[in-house]
Amino acid sequence: MIHRVSHKKLSRDTNARRSLLKNLASSLVLHEKIVTTETKAKATRPYVEKLITKAKEESLNSQRYLSARLNRENVVRKLIEIVGPTFKERRGGYTRVIKLPPRVGDRAPMAVLEFVEDISQVAAKKKLAQKPTKSSKRDAKTKAPKKTKKAVAIKQGRSKKAAVKKDTTKKK
């Protein structure tokens, strides 16, 4: 009988297990749903739920905590800006594990780990709420197509063939 075991080892040493949990948590936040083995999903669930609880605070301390745990700036930003406010009213149980049929190759029990609420809708609403920023003159210059000699000739009223003939005679 094994007492006081707080987590599964997942047949890995400490550093490999830690990085596995970071990667699974990052993938879950980015893609909002991951398919993995049942054991990995059950091990990842408490890790992610603690991160979401921290993300609800929206303080500098929680931001530093999340970036230390995940090492990815875009994941931390999404957690604080979208996932945290989505679950602001909820007191826990942000994710769920849904069992799937076993994997074909090795019959490993598979599962889907996903958020309870649909986060993509919240992200879409937030994108619509943001106003587009004014682009600077530099951005407008880079986006404008280059004016070729043919385009200038057409604009001045000459034909394309005349512009091409003029270009070839100048090169020789």
Protein backbone atom coordinates (compact mmCIF):
# COMPACT_ATOMS: atom_id res chain seq x y z
CA MET A 1 0.00 0.00 0.00
CA ILE A 2 1.51 3.31 -1.12
CA HIS A 3 0.51 6.31 0.95
CA ARG A 4 0.81 10.04 0.24
CA VAL A 5 1.57 9.82 -3.47
CA SER A 6 0.52 13.14 -4.95
CA HIS A 7 0.92 12.45 -8.67
CA LYS A 8 1.65 9.84 -11.33
CA LYS A 9 5.24 9.48 -12.49
CA LEU A 10 4.26 8.60 -16.08
CA SER A 11 7.40 6.40 -16.44
CA ARG A 12 9.61 9.51 -16.66
CA ASP A 13 12.19 11.24 -14.53
CA THR A 14 11.35 14.58 -12.92
CA ASN A 15 12.57 16.89 -15.70
CA ALA A 16 10.93 14.89 -18.49
CA ARG A 17 7.64 14.72 -16.57
CA ARG A 18 7.75 18.46 -15.88
CA SER A 19 8.35 19.31 -19.53
CA LEU A 20 5.63 16.87 -20.64
CA LEU A 21 3.11 18.62 -18.39
CA LYS A 22 4.23 22.04 -19.65
CA ASN A 23 3.84 20.96 -23.27
CA LEU A 24 0.43 19.36 -22.72
CA ALA A 25 -0.80 22.40 -20.79
CA SER A 26 0.47 24.78 -23.50
CA SER A 27 -1.18 22.72 -26.22
CA LEU A 28 -4.45 22.67 -24.31
CA VAL A 29 -4.47 26.45 -23.88
CA LEU A 30 -3.56 27.10 -27.53
CA HIS A 31 -5.80 24.50 -29.16
CA GLU A 32 -8.51 24.28 -26.44
CA LYS A 33 -8.69 20.50 -26.84
CA ILE A 34 -6.06 17.75 -26.92
CA VAL A 35 -6.20 14.03 -27.54
CA THR A 36 -3.76 12.04 -25.41
CA THR A 37 -3.63 8.93 -23.29
CA GLU A 38 -6.04 8.75 -20.39
CA THR A 39 -3.27 8.73 -17.77
CA LYS A 40 -1.55 11.81 -19.22
CA ALA A 41 -4.88 13.63 -19.43
CA LYS A 42 -5.66 12.86 -15.79
CA ALA A 43 -2.17 13.98 -14.74
CA THR A 44 -2.38 17.21 -16.76
CA ARG A 45 -5.82 18.22 -15.53
CA PRO A 46 -4.85 19.43 -12.00
CA TYR A 47 -1.75 21.19 -13.41
CA VAL A 48 -3.86 23.16 -15.91
CA GLU A 49 -6.60 23.94 -13.40
CA LYS A 50 -4.08 25.50 -11.00
CA LEU A 51 -2.73 27.64 -13.85
CA ILE A 52 -6.24 28.82 -14.77
CA THR A 53 -6.96 29.70 -11.13
CA LYS A 54 -3.80 31.85 -11.12
CA ALA A 55 -4.77 33.42 -14.48
CA LYS A 56 -8.06 34.65 -13.00
CA GLU A 57 -6.18 37.11 -10.75
CA GLU A 58 -4.65 39.21 -13.61
CA SER A 59 -1.79 40.54 -11.47
CA LEU A 60 1.90 40.89 -12.21
CA ASN A 61 2.63 38.17 -9.69
CA SER A 62 0.32 35.70 -11.42
CA GLN A 63 1.75 36.62 -14.81
CA ARG A 64 5.27 35.86 -13.58
CA TYR A 65 4.05 32.62 -11.99
CA LEU A 66 2.48 31.51 -15.28
CA SER A 67 5.48 32.43 -17.39
CA ALA A 68 7.73 30.48 -15.01
CA ARG A 69 5.50 27.43 -15.34
CA LEU A 70 4.88 27.55 -19.11
CA ASN A 71 7.88 29.35 -20.72
CA ARG A 72 5.74 30.56 -23.65
CA GLU A 73 4.66 34.17 -23.87
CA ASN A 74 1.70 33.60 -26.25
CA VAL A 75 0.26 30.90 -23.97
CA VAL A 76 0.58 33.11 -20.89
CA ARG A 77 -1.07 36.01 -22.74
CA LYS A 78 -3.99 33.82 -23.85
CA LEU A 79 -4.40 32.45 -20.33
CA ILE A 80 -4.55 35.92 -18.77
CA GLU A 81 -6.55 37.73 -21.47
CA ILE A 82 -9.04 35.07 -22.58
CA VAL A 83 -9.11 31.92 -20.43
CA GLY A 84 -8.95 33.63 -17.02
CA PRO A 85 -11.83 36.07 -17.63
CA THR A 86 -13.91 33.28 -19.18
CA PHE A 87 -13.82 31.30 -15.93
CA LYS A 88 -13.98 34.33 -13.59
CA GLU A 89 -17.30 33.27 -12.05
CA ARG A 90 -16.51 29.52 -11.94
CA ARG A 91 -14.93 28.22 -8.72
CA GLY A 92 -13.19 25.20 -10.23
CA GLY A 93 -13.64 22.36 -12.68
CA TYR A 94 -12.43 24.22 -15.76
CA THR A 95 -11.53 21.10 -17.75
CA ARG A 96 -13.00 17.69 -18.43
CA VAL A 97 -11.61 14.34 -19.53
CA ILE A 98 -13.69 12.39 -22.03
CA LYS A 99 -12.70 8.78 -22.63
CA LEU A 100 -12.19 7.54 -26.20
CA PRO A 101 -11.76 4.06 -27.69
CA PRO A 102 -8.29 2.55 -27.32
CA ARG A 103 -5.52 3.51 -29.74
CA VAL A 104 -5.20 1.17 -32.72
CA GLY A 105 -1.46 0.49 -32.48
CA ASP A 106 -0.98 -0.47 -28.84
CA ARG A 107 -4.52 -0.48 -27.37
CA ALA A 108 -3.60 2.38 -24.99
CA PRO A 109 -6.69 3.97 -23.43
CA MET A 110 -7.16 7.39 -25.05
CA ALA A 111 -8.97 10.49 -23.82
CA VAL A 112 -9.79 14.07 -24.80
CA LEU A 113 -8.84 16.85 -22.40
CA GLU A 114 -10.82 20.02 -23.10
CA PHE A 115 -12.20 23.13 -21.45
CA VAL A 116 -15.73 23.00 -20.06
CA GLU A 117 -16.72 26.28 -21.75
CA ASP A 118 -16.09 27.23 -25.38
CA ILE A 119 -13.17 29.65 -25.27
CA SER A 120 -13.00 30.29 -29.03
CA GLN A 121 -16.29 32.20 -28.87
CA VAL A 122 -14.94 34.46 -26.14
CA ALA A 123 -11.77 35.05 -28.17
CA ALA A 124 -13.83 35.94 -31.26
CA LYS A 125 -15.94 38.43 -29.28
CA LYS A 126 -12.79 39.99 -27.84
CA LYS A 127 -11.28 40.36 -31.34
CA LEU A 128 -14.41 42.09 -32.61
CA ALA A 129 -14.40 44.44 -29.65
CA GLN A 130 -10.86 45.63 -30.38
CA LYS A 131 -10.70 48.63 -32.67
CA PRO A 132 -8.33 48.47 -35.63
CA THR A 133 -5.28 50.65 -35.17
CA LYS A 134 -4.25 53.35 -37.62
CA SER A 135 -1.32 52.30 -39.76
CA SER A 136 1.63 54.62 -40.08
CA LYS A 137 2.96 56.05 -43.32
CA ARG A 138 5.79 53.55 -43.25
CA ASP A 139 3.33 50.63 -43.19
CA ALA A 140 1.38 52.15 -46.08
CA LYS A 141 4.57 52.45 -48.13
CA THR A 142 5.54 48.84 -47.53
CA LYS A 143 2.07 47.55 -48.38
CA ALA A 144 1.76 49.55 -51.64
CA PRO A 145 2.82 47.61 -54.75
CA LYS A 146 5.98 48.76 -56.49
CA LYS A 147 5.50 50.88 -59.61
CA THR A 148 7.16 49.22 -62.57
CA LYS A 149 8.07 50.94 -65.79
CA LYS A 150 5.19 49.16 -67.49
CA ALA A 151 2.71 50.46 -64.93
CA VAL A 152 4.03 53.99 -65.28
CA ALA A 153 3.84 53.77 -69.09
CA ILE A 154 0.24 52.55 -68.95
CA LYS A 155 -0.65 55.34 -66.55
CA GLN A 156 0.86 57.91 -68.93
CA GLY A 157 -1.23 56.54 -71.81
CA ARG A 158 1.37 54.52 -73.69
CA SER A 159 0.82 50.87 -74.56
CA LYS A 160 2.51 47.94 -72.82
CA LYS A 161 4.46 46.99 -75.97
CA ALA A 162 5.93 50.46 -76.30
CA ALA A 163 7.07 50.35 -72.69
CA VAL A 164 8.66 46.94 -73.18
CA LYS A 165 10.45 48.07 -76.39
CA LYS A 166 11.74 51.14 -74.62
CA ASP A 167 13.02 48.99 -71.73
CA THR A 168 14.90 46.60 -74.05
CA THR A 169 16.55 49.38 -76.02
CA LYS A 170 17.82 51.03 -72.84
CA LYS A 171 19.44 47.81 -71.56
CA LYS A 172 21.54 47.28 -74.68
